[in-house]
Amino acid sequence: MKFLVDANLPNKLAKAIGRMGHTVIHTDDLPNKEKTSDKEIKAISSDQNLVVISKDTDFFDSHLIQSIPSKFLFVSTGNITNKELLKLFEKNFENIVTLFETYNLIGIDNQQIVVYENQ
């Protein structure tokens, strides 16, 4: 599975996902880096069939209204350390990948994975 990690999450997360065997890019890898617009992220994710990972509620709303991005992982952990975030992903990411085989909108917070019914 292929992923695009938004600028509001650390590049270390993208690297960790890559170490788990997945194709991943971070907005820092794109020409406009952290200034990459949501519109650009949506276009890139659509063109390259990438799951967007972000804390940005605009992507959540856009997915609900327009199904863009087509697959979205909403991170709602609040302010936690990068170390805590990486541990959370390392513990739960393979389960999330499996869930994306069936569902298009998934959330993760400090306590649980939330699966939203496909529209």
Protein backbone atom coordinates (compact mmCIF):
# COMPACT_ATOMS: atom_id res chain seq x y z
CA MET A 1 0.00 0.00 0.00
CA LYS A 2 1.19 3.54 -0.74
CA PHE A 3 0.88 6.54 1.56
CA LEU A 4 1.29 10.32 1.58
CA VAL A 5 2.04 11.83 5.00
CA ASP A 6 0.94 15.45 5.43
CA ALA A 7 3.19 18.22 6.78
CA ASN A 8 1.36 18.27 10.12
CA LEU A 9 2.95 14.91 10.92
CA PRO A 10 6.69 14.31 11.27
CA ASN A 11 8.87 13.02 8.47
CA LYS A 12 10.01 10.39 10.99
CA LEU A 13 6.54 8.86 10.66
CA ALA A 14 6.96 8.51 6.90
CA LYS A 15 10.34 6.88 7.43
CA ALA A 16 8.86 4.44 9.96
CA ILE A 17 6.08 3.49 7.54
CA GLY A 18 8.72 2.92 4.87
CA ARG A 19 10.65 0.63 7.22
CA MET A 20 7.44 -1.38 7.63
CA GLY A 21 7.63 -2.15 3.93
CA HIS A 22 5.22 0.39 2.45
CA THR A 23 5.76 3.01 -0.21
CA VAL A 24 5.46 6.42 1.39
CA ILE A 25 6.17 10.05 0.65
CA HIS A 26 6.06 12.99 3.02
CA THR A 27 5.11 16.47 1.88
CA ASP A 28 8.77 17.38 2.57
CA ASP A 29 9.57 15.15 -0.44
CA LEU A 30 7.35 17.24 -2.74
CA PRO A 31 8.52 20.36 -4.60
CA ASN A 32 6.61 22.77 -2.33
CA LYS A 33 7.50 20.81 0.81
CA GLU A 34 5.45 21.88 3.85
CA LYS A 35 3.74 24.55 1.74
CA THR A 36 2.10 21.91 -0.46
CA SER A 37 -1.57 22.86 -0.62
CA ASP A 38 -4.42 20.54 0.26
CA LYS A 39 -5.51 20.76 -3.37
CA GLU A 40 -2.08 19.53 -4.51
CA ILE A 41 -2.12 16.72 -1.95
CA LYS A 42 -5.55 15.60 -3.14
CA ALA A 43 -4.40 15.63 -6.77
CA ILE A 44 -1.18 13.73 -6.05
CA SER A 45 -2.97 11.16 -3.90
CA SER A 46 -5.54 10.65 -6.65
CA ASP A 47 -2.99 10.43 -9.46
CA GLN A 48 -0.72 8.03 -7.57
CA ASN A 49 -3.40 6.09 -5.62
CA LEU A 50 -2.01 7.13 -2.23
CA VAL A 51 -3.67 6.94 1.18
CA VAL A 52 -3.41 10.38 2.80
CA ILE A 53 -2.39 10.44 6.47
CA SER A 54 -3.09 13.74 8.23
CA LYS A 55 -4.41 15.54 11.29
CA ASP A 56 -6.19 18.00 8.99
CA THR A 57 -9.99 17.91 9.41
CA ASP A 58 -10.33 19.50 5.95
CA PHE A 59 -9.27 16.16 4.43
CA PHE A 60 -11.78 14.36 6.65
CA ASP A 61 -14.59 16.67 5.50
CA SER A 62 -13.50 16.48 1.87
CA HIS A 63 -13.50 12.70 1.99
CA LEU A 64 -17.01 12.66 3.44
CA ILE A 65 -18.38 15.14 0.91
CA GLN A 66 -16.44 14.30 -2.26
CA SER A 67 -14.58 11.03 -1.50
CA ILE A 68 -11.36 12.99 -2.05
CA PRO A 69 -8.88 11.77 -1.01
CA SER A 70 -10.25 8.33 -1.87
CA LYS A 71 -8.59 6.80 1.21
CA PHE A 72 -7.81 8.80 4.33
CA LEU A 73 -6.28 8.04 7.72
CA PHE A 74 -7.33 10.73 10.19
CA VAL A 75 -4.88 11.11 13.08
CA SER A 76 -6.57 12.67 16.11
CA THR A 77 -4.02 12.08 18.83
CA GLY A 78 -3.73 15.69 19.92
CA ASN A 79 -0.29 16.85 20.93
CA ILE A 80 1.85 13.83 21.69
CA THR A 81 5.57 13.36 21.34
CA ASN A 82 6.98 11.97 18.13
CA LYS A 83 8.18 8.95 20.10
CA GLU A 84 4.63 8.25 21.31
CA LEU A 85 3.24 8.74 17.80
CA LEU A 86 5.76 6.33 16.30
CA LYS A 87 4.99 3.71 18.96
CA LEU A 88 1.27 4.09 18.28
CA PHE A 89 1.79 3.57 14.54
CA GLU A 90 4.22 0.68 14.97
CA LYS A 91 1.68 -1.06 17.21
CA ASN A 92 -1.36 -0.48 14.98
CA PHE A 93 -0.24 0.11 11.41
CA GLU A 94 -0.51 -3.40 9.96
CA ASN A 95 -4.07 -3.60 11.30
CA ILE A 96 -4.82 -0.24 9.66
CA VAL A 97 -3.41 -1.48 6.35
CA THR A 98 -5.66 -4.52 6.54
CA LEU A 99 -8.68 -2.33 7.31
CA PHE A 100 -7.95 -0.19 4.23
CA GLU A 101 -8.58 -3.29 2.11
CA THR A 102 -12.27 -2.88 3.04
CA TYR A 103 -12.72 0.69 4.28
CA ASN A 104 -11.75 4.08 2.87
CA LEU A 105 -11.90 6.25 6.00
CA ILE A 106 -10.12 5.25 9.18
CA GLY A 107 -9.19 7.23 12.26
CA ILE A 108 -6.63 6.65 14.96
CA ASP A 109 -6.37 8.35 18.32
CA ASN A 110 -4.40 7.59 21.47
CA GLN A 111 -6.74 4.77 22.48
CA GLN A 112 -8.27 3.16 19.42
CA ILE A 113 -8.67 2.73 15.70
CA VAL A 114 -12.00 4.05 14.42
CA VAL A 115 -13.48 2.61 11.23
CA TYR A 116 -16.02 4.73 9.40
CA GLU A 117 -18.55 2.99 7.18
CA ASN A 118 -17.98 3.46 3.47
CA GLN A 119 -20.46 5.87 1.97
